């Protein structure tokens, strides 16, 4: 089983993440599933270095979700985690836009309002 090809490992990770999403609340599951599908499609033809980073980060995500919802899909407390500000600073512009759009979608699910602090660069320094 450890002799899986790269496409097989990608498919296994993809299916694992979708399976883990079954433990999320309905709205988050739909949002998460759509985001995962989009990201995996977007990286179909990335270079090997990007593919390695992509797989590492999504495996880390799968591990985090496993800790938070368990293998049986029952949430064990709060979902999600804080983003490292240094990691956010290293994102490309299109990634920042994508992250912002994801935040808007997630906040919209809970009926939260977007504040000035949510907008990058508008908080007081």
PDB file of N, CA and C in Angstrom:
ATOM      1  N   UNK A   1       0.814  -1.190   0.000  1.00  0.00           N
ATOM      2  CA  UNK A   1       0.000   0.000   0.000  1.00  0.00           C
ATOM      3  C   UNK A   1       0.860   1.257   0.000  1.00  0.00           C
ATOM      4  N   UNK A   2       2.103   1.218   0.505  1.00  0.00           N
ATOM      5  CA  UNK A   2       2.956   2.395   0.484  1.00  0.00           C
ATOM      6  C   UNK A   2       3.581   2.609  -0.885  1.00  0.00           C
ATOM      7  N   UNK A   3       3.222   1.818  -1.856  1.00  0.00           N
ATOM      8  CA  UNK A   3       3.738   1.979  -3.210  1.00  0.00           C
ATOM      9  C   UNK A   3       2.716   2.672  -4.110  1.00  0.00           C
ATOM     10  N   UNK A   4       1.914   3.544  -3.530  1.00  0.00           N
ATOM     11  CA  UNK A   4       0.918   4.260  -4.309  1.00  0.00           C
ATOM     12  C   UNK A   4       1.600   5.294  -5.193  1.00  0.00           C
ATOM     13  N   UNK A   5       1.060   5.455  -6.376  1.00  0.00           N
ATOM     14  CA  UNK A   5       1.580   6.488  -7.268  1.00  0.00           C
ATOM     15  C   UNK A   5       1.105   7.852  -6.763  1.00  0.00           C
ATOM     16  N   UNK A   6       1.700   8.917  -7.288  1.00  0.00           N
ATOM     17  CA  UNK A   6       1.290  10.261  -6.862  1.00  0.00           C
ATOM     18  C   UNK A   6      -0.201  10.498  -7.102  1.00  0.00           C
ATOM     19  N   UNK A   7      -0.732  10.196  -8.297  1.00  0.00           N
ATOM     20  CA  UNK A   7      -2.177  10.401  -8.495  1.00  0.00           C
ATOM     21  C   UNK A   7      -3.036   9.601  -7.508  1.00  0.00           C
ATOM     22  N   UNK A   8      -2.593   8.411  -7.149  1.00  0.00           N
ATOM     23  CA  UNK A   8      -3.345   7.603  -6.187  1.00  0.00           C
ATOM     24  C   UNK A   8      -3.323   8.238  -4.798  1.00  0.00           C
ATOM     25  N   UNK A   9      -2.151   8.781  -4.406  1.00  0.00           N
ATOM     26  CA  UNK A   9      -2.053   9.456  -3.103  1.00  0.00           C
ATOM     27  C   UNK A   9      -2.933  10.699  -3.074  1.00  0.00           C
ATOM     28  N   UNK A  10      -2.950  11.443  -4.180  1.00  0.00           N
ATOM     29  CA  UNK A  10      -3.790  12.640  -4.259  1.00  0.00           C
ATOM     30  C   UNK A  10      -5.259  12.254  -4.126  1.00  0.00           C
ATOM     31  N   UNK A  11      -5.676  11.245  -4.859  1.00  0.00           N
ATOM     32  CA  UNK A  11      -7.074  10.787  -4.823  1.00  0.00           C
ATOM     33  C   UNK A  11      -7.456  10.308  -3.418  1.00  0.00           C
ATOM     34  N   UNK A  12      -6.560   9.569  -2.771  1.00  0.00           N
ATOM     35  CA  UNK A  12      -6.811   9.071  -1.429  1.00  0.00           C
ATOM     36  C   UNK A  12      -6.974  10.233  -0.443  1.00  0.00           C
ATOM     37  N   UNK A  13      -6.105  11.239  -0.530  1.00  0.00           N
ATOM     38  CA  UNK A  13      -6.200  12.396   0.348  1.00  0.00           C
ATOM     39  C   UNK A  13      -7.502  13.157   0.090  1.00  0.00           C
ATOM     40  N   UNK A  14      -7.821  13.341  -1.169  1.00  0.00           N
ATOM     41  CA  UNK A  14      -9.056  14.041  -1.561  1.00  0.00           C
ATOM     42  C   UNK A  14     -10.284  13.351  -0.975  1.00  0.00           C
ATOM     43  N   UNK A  15     -10.370  12.041  -1.163  1.00  0.00           N
ATOM     44  CA  UNK A  15     -11.518  11.282  -0.662  1.00  0.00           C
ATOM     45  C   UNK A  15     -11.558  11.270   0.865  1.00  0.00           C
ATOM     46  N   UNK A  16     -10.402  11.224   1.491  1.00  0.00           N
ATOM     47  CA  UNK A  16     -10.326  11.250   2.947  1.00  0.00           C
ATOM     48  C   UNK A  16     -10.875  12.560   3.490  1.00  0.00           C
ATOM     49  N   UNK A  17     -10.487  13.660   2.860  1.00  0.00           N
ATOM     50  CA  UNK A  17     -10.965  14.976   3.303  1.00  0.00           C
ATOM     51  C   UNK A  17     -12.477  15.081   3.142  1.00  0.00           C
ATOM     52  N   UNK A  18     -12.988  14.649   1.998  1.00  0.00           N
ATOM     53  CA  UNK A  18     -14.442  14.702   1.792  1.00  0.00           C
ATOM     54  C   UNK A  18     -15.169  13.831   2.815  1.00  0.00           C
ATOM     55  N   UNK A  19     -14.586  12.696   3.135  1.00  0.00           N
ATOM     56  CA  UNK A  19     -15.187  11.806   4.138  1.00  0.00           C
ATOM     57  C   UNK A  19     -15.179  12.472   5.514  1.00  0.00           C
ATOM     58  N   UNK A  20     -14.077  13.135   5.864  1.00  0.00           N
ATOM     59  CA  UNK A  20     -13.991  13.827   7.147  1.00  0.00           C
ATOM     60  C   UNK A  20     -14.997  14.975   7.229  1.00  0.00           C
ATOM     61  N   UNK A  21     -15.263  15.610   6.097  1.00  0.00           N
ATOM     62  CA  UNK A  21     -16.218  16.720   6.068  1.00  0.00           C
ATOM     63  C   UNK A  21     -17.626  16.268   6.446  1.00  0.00           C
ATOM     64  N   UNK A  22     -17.908  14.984   6.384  1.00  0.00           N
ATOM     65  CA  UNK A  22     -19.236  14.487   6.763  1.00  0.00           C
ATOM     66  C   UNK A  22     -19.554  14.803   8.220  1.00  0.00           C
ATOM     67  N   UNK A  23     -18.509  15.000   9.023  1.00  0.00           N
ATOM     68  CA  UNK A  23     -18.699  15.313  10.431  1.00  0.00           C
ATOM     69  C   UNK A  23     -18.924  16.789  10.702  1.00  0.00           C
ATOM     70  N   UNK A  24     -18.838  17.623   9.686  1.00  0.00           N
ATOM     71  CA  UNK A  24     -19.037  19.059   9.853  1.00  0.00           C
ATOM     72  C   UNK A  24     -20.518  19.408   9.791  1.00  0.00           C
ATOM     73  N   UNK A  25     -20.890  20.543  10.375  1.00  0.00           N
ATOM     74  CA  UNK A  25     -22.276  21.008  10.197  1.00  0.00           C
ATOM     75  C   UNK A  25     -22.572  21.155   8.702  1.00  0.00           C
ATOM     76  N   UNK A  26     -23.822  20.995   8.323  1.00  0.00           N
ATOM     77  CA  UNK A  26     -24.225  20.952   6.918  1.00  0.00           C
ATOM     78  C   UNK A  26     -23.682  22.109   6.087  1.00  0.00           C
ATOM     79  N   UNK A  27     -23.813  23.341   6.597  1.00  0.00           N
ATOM     80  CA  UNK A  27     -23.365  24.514   5.833  1.00  0.00           C
ATOM     81  C   UNK A  27     -21.855  24.503   5.639  1.00  0.00           C
ATOM     82  N   UNK A  28     -21.129  24.157   6.710  1.00  0.00           N
ATOM     83  CA  UNK A  28     -19.671  24.099   6.600  1.00  0.00           C
ATOM     84  C   UNK A  28     -19.215  22.975   5.694  1.00  0.00           C
ATOM     85  N   UNK A  29     -19.951  21.868   5.727  1.00  0.00           N
ATOM     86  CA  UNK A  29     -19.600  20.740   4.857  1.00  0.00           C
ATOM     87  C   UNK A  29     -19.702  21.152   3.387  1.00  0.00           C
ATOM     88  N   UNK A  30     -20.802  21.808   3.029  1.00  0.00           N
ATOM     89  CA  UNK A  30     -20.982  22.240   1.642  1.00  0.00           C
ATOM     90  C   UNK A  30     -19.889  23.224   1.238  1.00  0.00           C
ATOM     91  N   UNK A  31     -19.610  24.187   2.101  1.00  0.00           N
ATOM     92  CA  UNK A  31     -18.561  25.167   1.824  1.00  0.00           C
ATOM     93  C   UNK A  31     -17.204  24.475   1.690  1.00  0.00           C
ATOM     94  N   UNK A  32     -16.903  23.589   2.637  1.00  0.00           N
ATOM     95  CA  UNK A  32     -15.624  22.875   2.625  1.00  0.00           C
ATOM     96  C   UNK A  32     -15.470  21.969   1.414  1.00  0.00           C
ATOM     97  N   UNK A  33     -16.512  21.228   1.081  1.00  0.00           N
ATOM     98  CA  UNK A  33     -16.455  20.325  -0.077  1.00  0.00           C
ATOM     99  C   UNK A  33     -16.198  21.102  -1.365  1.00  0.00           C
ATOM    100  N   UNK A  34     -16.913  22.205  -1.536  1.00  0.00           N
ATOM    101  CA  UNK A  34     -16.715  23.021  -2.739  1.00  0.00           C
ATOM    102  C   UNK A  34     -15.301  23.583  -2.804  1.00  0.00           C
ATOM    103  N   UNK A  35     -14.792  24.034  -1.670  1.00  0.00           N
ATOM    104  CA  UNK A  35     -13.449  24.605  -1.626  1.00  0.00           C
ATOM    105  C   UNK A  35     -12.401  23.538  -1.952  1.00  0.00           C
ATOM    106  N   UNK A  36     -12.559  22.363  -1.366  1.00  0.00           N
ATOM    107  CA  UNK A  36     -11.608  21.273  -1.617  1.00  0.00           C
ATOM    108  C   UNK A  36     -11.625  20.878  -3.097  1.00  0.00           C
ATOM    109  N   UNK A  37     -12.806  20.724  -3.663  1.00  0.00           N
ATOM    110  CA  UNK A  37     -12.901  20.367  -5.091  1.00  0.00           C
ATOM    111  C   UNK A  37     -12.196  21.402  -5.960  1.00  0.00           C
ATOM    112  N   UNK A  38     -12.461  22.665  -5.665  1.00  0.00           N
ATOM    113  CA  UNK A  38     -11.862  23.749  -6.437  1.00  0.00           C
ATOM    114  C   UNK A  38     -10.338  23.740  -6.314  1.00  0.00           C
ATOM    115  N   UNK A  39      -9.836  23.588  -5.104  1.00  0.00           N
ATOM    116  CA  UNK A  39      -8.384  23.585  -4.881  1.00  0.00           C
ATOM    117  C   UNK A  39      -7.700  22.393  -5.560  1.00  0.00           C
ATOM    118  N   UNK A  40      -8.281  21.224  -5.447  1.00  0.00           N
ATOM    119  CA  UNK A  40      -7.665  20.053  -6.056  1.00  0.00           C
ATOM    120  C   UNK A  40      -7.690  20.168  -7.583  1.00  0.00           C
ATOM    121  N   UNK A  41      -8.760  20.711  -8.133  1.00  0.00           N
ATOM    122  CA  UNK A  41      -8.802  20.936  -9.587  1.00  0.00           C
ATOM    123  C   UNK A  41      -7.766  21.965 -10.015  1.00  0.00           C
ATOM    124  N   UNK A  42      -7.656  23.016  -9.221  1.00  0.00           N
ATOM    125  CA  UNK A  42      -6.728  24.105  -9.537  1.00  0.00           C
ATOM    126  C   UNK A  42      -5.265  23.644  -9.562  1.00  0.00           C
ATOM    127  N   UNK A  43      -4.971  22.616  -8.804  1.00  0.00           N
ATOM    128  CA  UNK A  43      -3.586  22.156  -8.697  1.00  0.00           C
ATOM    129  C   UNK A  43      -3.308  20.881  -9.499  1.00  0.00           C
ATOM    130  N   UNK A  44      -4.173  20.564 -10.438  1.00  0.00           N
ATOM    131  CA  UNK A  44      -3.961  19.363 -11.250  1.00  0.00           C
ATOM    132  C   UNK A  44      -2.644  19.391 -12.014  1.00  0.00           C
ATOM    133  N   UNK A  45      -2.273  20.546 -12.492  1.00  0.00           N
ATOM    134  CA  UNK A  45      -1.077  20.639 -13.338  1.00  0.00           C
ATOM    135  C   UNK A  45       0.010  21.508 -12.722  1.00  0.00           C
ATOM    136  N   UNK A  46       0.108  21.497 -11.402  1.00  0.00           N
ATOM    137  CA  UNK A  46       1.143  22.310 -10.761  1.00  0.00           C
ATOM    138  C   UNK A  46       2.498  21.602 -10.853  1.00  0.00           C
ATOM    139  N   UNK A  47       3.558  22.372 -10.628  1.00  0.00           N
ATOM    140  CA  UNK A  47       4.904  21.786 -10.698  1.00  0.00           C
ATOM    141  C   UNK A  47       5.151  20.909  -9.470  1.00  0.00           C
ATOM    142  N   UNK A  48       6.161  20.029  -9.525  1.00  0.00           N
ATOM    143  CA  UNK A  48       6.406  19.082  -8.430  1.00  0.00           C
ATOM    144  C   UNK A  48       6.632  19.732  -7.064  1.00  0.00           C
ATOM    145  N   UNK A  49       7.287  20.887  -7.042  1.00  0.00           N
ATOM    146  CA  UNK A  49       7.529  21.557  -5.769  1.00  0.00           C
ATOM    147  C   UNK A  49       6.211  22.052  -5.156  1.00  0.00           C
ATOM    148  N   UNK A  50       5.359  22.638  -5.984  1.00  0.00           N
ATOM    149  CA  UNK A  50       4.047  23.083  -5.507  1.00  0.00           C
ATOM    150  C   UNK A  50       3.203  21.884  -5.082  1.00  0.00           C
ATOM    151  N   UNK A  51       3.314  20.791  -5.820  1.00  0.00           N
ATOM    152  CA  UNK A  51       2.541  19.583  -5.498  1.00  0.00           C
ATOM    153  C   UNK A  51       2.933  19.049  -4.122  1.00  0.00           C
ATOM    154  N   UNK A  52       4.218  19.070  -3.818  1.00  0.00           N
ATOM    155  CA  UNK A  52       4.693  18.598  -2.516  1.00  0.00           C
ATOM    156  C   UNK A  52       4.122  19.463  -1.387  1.00  0.00           C
ATOM    157  N   UNK A  53       4.194  20.773  -1.557  1.00  0.00           N
ATOM    158  CA  UNK A  53       3.653  21.692  -0.555  1.00  0.00           C
ATOM    159  C   UNK A  53       2.141  21.533  -0.432  1.00  0.00           C
ATOM    160  N   UNK A  54       1.473  21.405  -1.566  1.00  0.00           N
ATOM    161  CA  UNK A  54       0.021  21.219  -1.602  1.00  0.00           C
ATOM    162  C   UNK A  54      -0.380  19.984  -0.803  1.00  0.00           C
ATOM    163  N   UNK A  55       0.274  18.871  -1.070  1.00  0.00           N
ATOM    164  CA  UNK A  55      -0.058  17.617  -0.387  1.00  0.00           C
ATOM    165  C   UNK A  55       0.235  17.706   1.108  1.00  0.00           C
ATOM    166  N   UNK A  56       1.343  18.343   1.468  1.00  0.00           N
ATOM    167  CA  UNK A  56       1.707  18.484   2.875  1.00  0.00           C
ATOM    168  C   UNK A  56       0.667  19.298   3.627  1.00  0.00           C
ATOM    169  N   UNK A  57       0.262  20.425   3.052  1.00  0.00           N
ATOM    170  CA  UNK A  57      -0.704  21.290   3.725  1.00  0.00           C
ATOM    171  C   UNK A  57      -2.084  20.648   3.814  1.00  0.00           C
ATOM    172  N   UNK A  58      -2.508  19.946   2.772  1.00  0.00           N
ATOM    173  CA  UNK A  58      -3.819  19.297   2.826  1.00  0.00           C
ATOM    174  C   UNK A  58      -3.794  18.094   3.765  1.00  0.00           C
ATOM    175  N   UNK A  59      -2.661  17.411   3.868  1.00  0.00           N
ATOM    176  CA  UNK A  59      -2.546  16.309   4.835  1.00  0.00           C
ATOM    177  C   UNK A  59      -2.616  16.870   6.254  1.00  0.00           C
ATOM    178  N   UNK A  60      -1.990  18.016   6.470  1.00  0.00           N
ATOM    179  CA  UNK A  60      -2.055  18.686   7.766  1.00  0.00           C
ATOM    180  C   UNK A  60      -3.496  19.090   8.087  1.00  0.00           C
ATOM    181  N   UNK A  61      -4.202  19.593   7.080  1.00  0.00           N
ATOM    182  CA  UNK A  61      -5.611  19.946   7.252  1.00  0.00           C
ATOM    183  C   UNK A  61      -6.421  18.706   7.633  1.00  0.00           C
ATOM    184  N   UNK A  62      -6.207  17.608   6.930  1.00  0.00           N
ATOM    185  CA  UNK A  62      -6.934  16.362   7.218  1.00  0.00           C
ATOM    186  C   UNK A  62      -6.660  15.909   8.646  1.00  0.00           C
ATOM    187  N   UNK A  63      -5.435  16.052   9.088  1.00  0.00           N
ATOM    188  CA  UNK A  63      -5.071  15.682  10.451  1.00  0.00           C
ATOM    189  C   UNK A  63      -5.792  16.573  11.467  1.00  0.00           C
ATOM    190  N   UNK A  64      -5.847  17.862  11.181  1.00  0.00           N
ATOM    191  CA  UNK A  64      -6.534  18.811  12.071  1.00  0.00           C
ATOM    192  C   UNK A  64      -8.025  18.491  12.148  1.00  0.00           C
ATOM    193  N   UNK A  65      -8.638  18.239  10.997  1.00  0.00           N
ATOM    194  CA  UNK A  65     -10.062  17.908  10.976  1.00  0.00           C
ATOM    195  C   UNK A  65     -10.315  16.603  11.730  1.00  0.00           C
ATOM    196  N   UNK A  66      -9.425  15.637  11.586  1.00  0.00           N
ATOM    197  CA  UNK A  66      -9.563  14.368  12.304  1.00  0.00           C
ATOM    198  C   UNK A  66      -9.555  14.609  13.807  1.00  0.00           C
ATOM    199  N   UNK A  67      -8.667  15.490  14.269  1.00  0.00           N
ATOM    200  CA  UNK A  67      -8.606  15.811  15.697  1.00  0.00           C
ATOM    201  C   UNK A  67      -9.882  16.508  16.152  1.00  0.00           C
ATOM    202  N   UNK A  68     -10.455  17.348  15.300  1.00  0.00           N
ATOM    203  CA  UNK A  68     -11.599  18.161  15.703  1.00  0.00           C
ATOM    204  C   UNK A  68     -12.943  17.440  15.578  1.00  0.00           C
ATOM    205  N   UNK A  69     -13.088  16.565  14.604  1.00  0.00           N
ATOM    206  CA  UNK A  69     -14.366  15.853  14.454  1.00  0.00           C
ATOM    207  C   UNK A  69     -14.230  14.358  14.704  1.00  0.00           C
ATOM    208  N   UNK A  70     -13.012  13.874  14.837  1.00  0.00           N
ATOM    209  CA  UNK A  70     -12.806  12.460  15.089  1.00  0.00           C
ATOM    210  C   UNK A  70     -13.086  11.625  13.848  1.00  0.00           C
ATOM    211  N   UNK A  71     -12.708  10.391  13.905  1.00  0.00           N
ATOM    212  CA  UNK A  71     -12.918   9.496  12.770  1.00  0.00           C
ATOM    213  C   UNK A  71     -14.386   9.142  12.600  1.00  0.00           C
ATOM    214  N   UNK A  72     -15.159   9.272  13.660  1.00  0.00           N
ATOM    215  CA  UNK A  72     -16.587   8.959  13.612  1.00  0.00           C
ATOM    216  C   UNK A  72     -17.431  10.160  13.208  1.00  0.00           C
ATOM    217  N   UNK A  73     -16.801  11.319  13.071  1.00  0.00           N
ATOM    218  CA  UNK A  73     -17.517  12.494  12.600  1.00  0.00           C
ATOM    219  C   UNK A  73     -18.338  13.228  13.635  1.00  0.00           C
ATOM    220  N   UNK A  74     -17.953  13.106  14.894  1.00  0.00           N
ATOM    221  CA  UNK A  74     -18.662  13.838  15.940  1.00  0.00           C
ATOM    222  C   UNK A  74     -17.736  14.943  16.449  1.00  0.00           C
ATOM    223  N   UNK A  75     -18.118  16.223  16.238  1.00  0.00           N
ATOM    224  CA  UNK A  75     -17.259  17.329  16.681  1.00  0.00           C
ATOM    225  C   UNK A  75     -16.893  17.221  18.159  1.00  0.00           C
ATOM    226  N   UNK A  76     -15.619  17.489  18.436  1.00  0.00           N
ATOM    227  CA  UNK A  76     -15.100  17.384  19.802  1.00  0.00           C
ATOM    228  C   UNK A  76     -14.860  18.773  20.390  1.00  0.00           C
ATOM    229  N   UNK A  77     -15.634  19.737  20.011  1.00  0.00           N
ATOM    230  CA  UNK A  77     -15.436  21.097  20.508  1.00  0.00           C
ATOM    231  C   UNK A  77     -15.455  22.075  19.357  1.00  0.00           C
ATOM    232  N   UNK A  78     -14.628  23.102  19.469  1.00  0.00           N
ATOM    233  CA  UNK A  78     -14.593  24.152  18.464  1.00  0.00           C
ATOM    234  C   UNK A  78     -13.908  23.681  17.181  1.00  0.00           C
ATOM    235  N   UNK A  79     -14.455  24.105  16.048  1.00  0.00           N
ATOM    236  CA  UNK A  79     -13.882  23.750  14.750  1.00  0.00           C
ATOM    237  C   UNK A  79     -12.987  24.879  14.254  1.00  0.00           C
ATOM    238  N   UNK A  80     -11.936  24.540  13.547  1.00  0.00           N
ATOM    239  CA  UNK A  80     -11.045  25.529  12.957  1.00  0.00           C
ATOM    240  C   UNK A  80      -9.875  25.859  13.853  1.00  0.00           C
ATOM    241  N   UNK A  81      -9.005  26.720  13.340  1.00  0.00           N
ATOM    242  CA  UNK A  81      -7.856  27.185  14.116  1.00  0.00           C
ATOM    243  C   UNK A  81      -7.436  28.550  13.589  1.00  0.00           C
ATOM    244  N   UNK A  82      -6.732  29.289  14.411  1.00  0.00           N
ATOM    245  CA  UNK A  82      -6.251  30.609  14.022  1.00  0.00           C
ATOM    246  C   UNK A  82      -5.164  30.487  12.956  1.00  0.00           C
ATOM    247  N   UNK A  83      -5.167  31.428  12.026  1.00  0.00           N
ATOM    248  CA  UNK A  83      -4.118  31.470  11.011  1.00  0.00           C
ATOM    249  C   UNK A  83      -2.889  32.152  11.568  1.00  0.00           C
ATOM    250  N   UNK A  84      -1.732  31.641  11.235  1.00  0.00           N
ATOM    251  CA  UNK A  84      -0.473  32.248  11.632  1.00  0.00           C
ATOM    252  C   UNK A  84      -0.285  33.533  10.817  1.00  0.00           C
ATOM    253  N   UNK A  85      -0.183  34.689  11.465  1.00  0.00           N
ATOM    254  CA  UNK A  85      -0.032  35.951  10.727  1.00  0.00           C
ATOM    255  C   UNK A  85       1.158  35.955   9.768  1.00  0.00           C
ATOM    256  N   UNK A  86       2.243  35.295  10.142  1.00  0.00           N
ATOM    257  CA  UNK A  86       3.419  35.234   9.258  1.00  0.00           C
ATOM    258  C   UNK A  86       3.101  34.439   7.998  1.00  0.00           C
ATOM    259  N   UNK A  87       2.320  33.381   8.139  1.00  0.00           N
ATOM    260  CA  UNK A  87       1.933  32.581   6.974  1.00  0.00           C
ATOM    261  C   UNK A  87       1.045  33.399   6.049  1.00  0.00           C
ATOM    262  N   UNK A  88       0.161  34.189   6.620  1.00  0.00           N
ATOM    263  CA  UNK A  88      -0.726  35.032   5.815  1.00  0.00           C
ATOM    264  C   UNK A  88       0.089  36.063   5.042  1.00  0.00           C
ATOM    265  N   UNK A  89       1.111  36.620   5.678  1.00  0.00           N
ATOM    266  CA  UNK A  89       1.959  37.621   5.013  1.00  0.00           C
ATOM    267  C   UNK A  89       2.704  37.033   3.815  1.00  0.00           C
ATOM    268  N   UNK A  90       2.943  35.730   3.829  1.00  0.00           N
ATOM    269  CA  UNK A  90       3.690  35.093   2.739  1.00  0.00           C
ATOM    270  C   UNK A  90       2.794  34.697   1.566  1.00  0.00           C
ATOM    271  N   UNK A  91       1.481  34.844   1.713  1.00  0.00           N
ATOM    272  CA  UNK A  91       0.570  34.463   0.640  1.00  0.00           C
ATOM    273  C   UNK A  91       0.693  35.400  -0.553  1.00  0.00           C
ATOM    274  N   UNK A  92       0.459  34.840  -1.729  1.00  0.00           N
ATOM    275  CA  UNK A  92       0.404  35.647  -2.950  1.00  0.00           C
ATOM    276  C   UNK A  92      -0.899  36.430  -2.931  1.00  0.00           C
ATOM    277  N   UNK A  93      -0.965  37.488  -3.735  1.00  0.00           N
ATOM    278  CA  UNK A  93      -2.157  38.333  -3.763  1.00  0.00           C
ATOM    279  C   UNK A  93      -3.426  37.544  -4.064  1.00  0.00           C
ATOM    280  N   UNK A  94      -3.361  36.645  -5.045  1.00  0.00           N
ATOM    281  CA  UNK A  94      -4.557  35.876  -5.395  1.00  0.00           C
ATOM    282  C   UNK A  94      -4.969  34.943  -4.261  1.00  0.00           C
ATOM    283  N   UNK A  95      -3.999  34.478  -3.473  1.00  0.00           N
ATOM    284  CA  UNK A  95      -4.322  33.627  -2.336  1.00  0.00           C
ATOM    285  C   UNK A  95      -4.994  34.429  -1.221  1.00  0.00           C
ATOM    286  N   UNK A  96      -4.550  35.680  -1.040  1.00  0.00           N
ATOM    287  CA  UNK A  96      -5.175  36.546  -0.039  1.00  0.00           C
ATOM    288  C   UNK A  96      -6.627  36.811  -0.420  1.00  0.00           C
ATOM    289  N   UNK A  97      -6.858  37.085  -1.704  1.00  0.00           N
ATOM    290  CA  UNK A  97      -8.222  37.320  -2.183  1.00  0.00           C
ATOM    291  C   UNK A  97      -9.073  36.075  -1.947  1.00  0.00           C
ATOM    292  N   UNK A  98      -8.518  34.918  -2.255  1.00  0.00           N
ATOM    293  CA  UNK A  98      -9.246  33.662  -2.079  1.00  0.00           C
ATOM    294  C   UNK A  98      -9.560  33.423  -0.600  1.00  0.00           C
ATOM    295  N   UNK A  99      -8.610  33.691   0.266  1.00  0.00           N
ATOM    296  CA  UNK A  99      -8.813  33.535   1.700  1.00  0.00           C
ATOM    297  C   UNK A  99      -9.885  34.500   2.199  1.00  0.00           C
ATOM    298  N   UNK A 100      -9.861  35.725   1.704  1.00  0.00           N
ATOM    299  CA  UNK A 100     -10.851  36.730   2.079  1.00  0.00           C
ATOM    300  C   UNK A 100     -12.253  36.289   1.638  1.00  0.00           C
ATOM    301  N   UNK A 101     -12.360  35.787   0.412  1.00  0.00           N
ATOM    302  CA  UNK A 101     -13.657  35.321  -0.085  1.00  0.00           C
ATOM    303  C   UNK A 101     -14.170  34.138   0.733  1.00  0.00           C
ATOM    304  N   UNK A 102     -13.268  33.273   1.143  1.00  0.00           N
ATOM    305  CA  UNK A 102     -13.646  32.139   1.984  1.00  0.00           C
ATOM    306  C   UNK A 102     -14.146  32.631   3.343  1.00  0.00           C
ATOM    307  N   UNK A 103     -13.469  33.631   3.904  1.00  0.00           N
ATOM    308  CA  UNK A 103     -13.895  34.199   5.173  1.00  0.00           C
ATOM    309  C   UNK A 103     -15.298  34.801   5.043  1.00  0.00           C
ATOM    310  N   UNK A 104     -15.528  35.538   3.963  1.00  0.00           N
ATOM    311  CA  UNK A 104     -16.849  36.133   3.749  1.00  0.00           C
ATOM    312  C   UNK A 104     -17.929  35.053   3.667  1.00  0.00           C
ATOM    313  N   UNK A 105     -17.627  33.989   2.936  1.00  0.00           N
ATOM    314  CA  UNK A 105     -18.591  32.895   2.796  1.00  0.00           C
ATOM    315  C   UNK A 105     -18.849  32.229   4.140  1.00  0.00           C
ATOM    316  N   UNK A 106     -17.799  31.998   4.912  1.00  0.00           N
ATOM    317  CA  UNK A 106     -17.957  31.347   6.214  1.00  0.00           C
ATOM    318  C   UNK A 106     -18.723  32.238   7.184  1.00  0.00           C
ATOM    319  N   UNK A 107     -18.421  33.513   7.201  1.00  0.00           N
ATOM    320  CA  UNK A 107     -19.140  34.433   8.093  1.00  0.00           C
ATOM    321  C   UNK A 107     -20.595  34.554   7.668  1.00  0.00           C
ATOM    322  N   UNK A 108     -20.855  34.512   6.392  1.00  0.00           N
ATOM    323  CA  UNK A 108     -22.221  34.598   5.899  1.00  0.00           C
ATOM    324  C   UNK A 108     -23.067  33.424   6.348  1.00  0.00           C
ATOM    325  N   UNK A 109     -22.441  32.261   6.529  1.00  0.00           N
ATOM    326  CA  UNK A 109     -23.184  31.079   6.971  1.00  0.00           C
ATOM    327  C   UNK A 109     -23.720  31.252   8.381  1.00  0.00           C
ATOM    328  N   UNK A 110     -22.952  31.910   9.212  1.00  0.00           N
ATOM    329  CA  UNK A 110     -23.348  32.082  10.608  1.00  0.00           C
ATOM    330  C   UNK A 110     -24.127  33.363  10.843  1.00  0.00           C
ATOM    331  N   UNK A 111     -24.364  34.142   9.802  1.00  0.00           N
ATOM    332  CA  UNK A 111     -25.073  35.400   9.954  1.00  0.00           C
ATOM    333  C   UNK A 111     -24.209  36.486  10.580  1.00  0.00           C
ATOM    334  N   UNK A 112     -22.890  36.248  10.660  1.00  0.00           N
ATOM    335  CA  UNK A 112     -21.984  37.251  11.208  1.00  0.00           C
ATOM    336  C   UNK A 112     -21.885  38.429  10.256  1.00  0.00           C
ATOM    337  N   UNK A 113     -21.497  39.557  10.793  1.00  0.00           N
ATOM    338  CA  UNK A 113     -21.267  40.721   9.944  1.00  0.00           C
ATOM    339  C   UNK A 113     -19.773  40.923   9.772  1.00  0.00           C
ATOM    340  N   UNK A 114     -19.411  41.489   8.656  1.00  0.00           N
ATOM    341  CA  UNK A 114     -18.010  41.766   8.366  1.00  0.00           C
ATOM    342  C   UNK A 114     -17.655  43.091   9.037  1.00  0.00           C
ATOM    343  N   UNK A 115     -16.569  43.080   9.786  1.00  0.00           N
ATOM    344  CA  UNK A 115     -16.132  44.290  10.479  1.00  0.00           C
ATOM    345  C   UNK A 115     -14.913  44.875   9.793  1.00  0.00           C
ATOM    346  N   UNK A 116     -14.556  46.103  10.200  1.00  0.00           N
ATOM    347  CA  UNK A 116     -13.357  46.734   9.639  1.00  0.00           C
ATOM    348  C   UNK A 116     -12.117  45.903   9.952  1.00  0.00           C
ATOM    349  N   UNK A 117     -12.095  45.249  11.102  1.00  0.00           N
ATOM    350  CA  UNK A 117     -10.939  44.424  11.465  1.00  0.00           C
ATOM    351  C   UNK A 117     -10.785  43.202  10.554  1.00  0.00           C
ATOM    352  N   UNK A 118     -11.859  42.814   9.889  1.00  0.00           N
ATOM    353  CA  UNK A 118     -11.801  41.673   8.983  1.00  0.00           C
ATOM    354  C   UNK A 118     -11.092  42.023   7.681  1.00  0.00           C
ATOM    355  N   UNK A 119     -11.088  43.291   7.346  1.00  0.00           N
ATOM    356  CA  UNK A 119     -10.496  43.729   6.077  1.00  0.00           C
ATOM    357  C   UNK A 119      -9.008  43.967   6.302  1.00  0.00           C
ATOM    358  N   UNK A 120      -8.198  43.326   5.515  1.00  0.00           N
ATOM    359  CA  UNK A 120      -6.741  43.413   5.657  1.00  0.00           C
ATOM    360  C   UNK A 120      -6.279  44.857   5.502  1.00  0.00           C
ATOM    361  N   UNK A 121      -5.446  45.287   6.421  1.00  0.00           N
ATOM    362  CA  UNK A 121      -4.852  46.601   6.329  1.00  0.00           C
ATOM    363  C   UNK A 121      -5.679  47.712   6.925  1.00  0.00           C
ATOM    364  N   UNK A 122      -6.900  47.408   7.368  1.00  0.00           N
ATOM    365  CA  UNK A 122      -7.728  48.475   7.902  1.00  0.00           C
ATOM    366  C   UNK A 122      -7.688  48.539   9.433  1.00  0.00           C
ATOM    367  N   UNK A 123      -7.025  47.566  10.060  1.00  0.00           N
ATOM    368  CA  UNK A 123      -6.965  47.600  11.521  1.00  0.00           C
ATOM    369  C   UNK A 123      -5.919  48.609  11.970  1.00  0.00           C
ATOM    370  N   UNK A 124      -6.111  49.153  13.171  1.00  0.00           N
ATOM    371  CA  UNK A 124      -5.196  50.172  13.702  1.00  0.00           C
ATOM    372  C   UNK A 124      -3.870  49.542  14.041  1.00  0.00           C
ATOM    373  N   UNK A 125      -2.802  50.264  13.740  1.00  0.00           N
ATOM    374  CA  UNK A 125      -1.464  49.733  14.028  1.00  0.00           C
ATOM    375  C   UNK A 125      -0.847  50.486  15.169  1.00  0.00           C
TER     376      UNK A 125
END
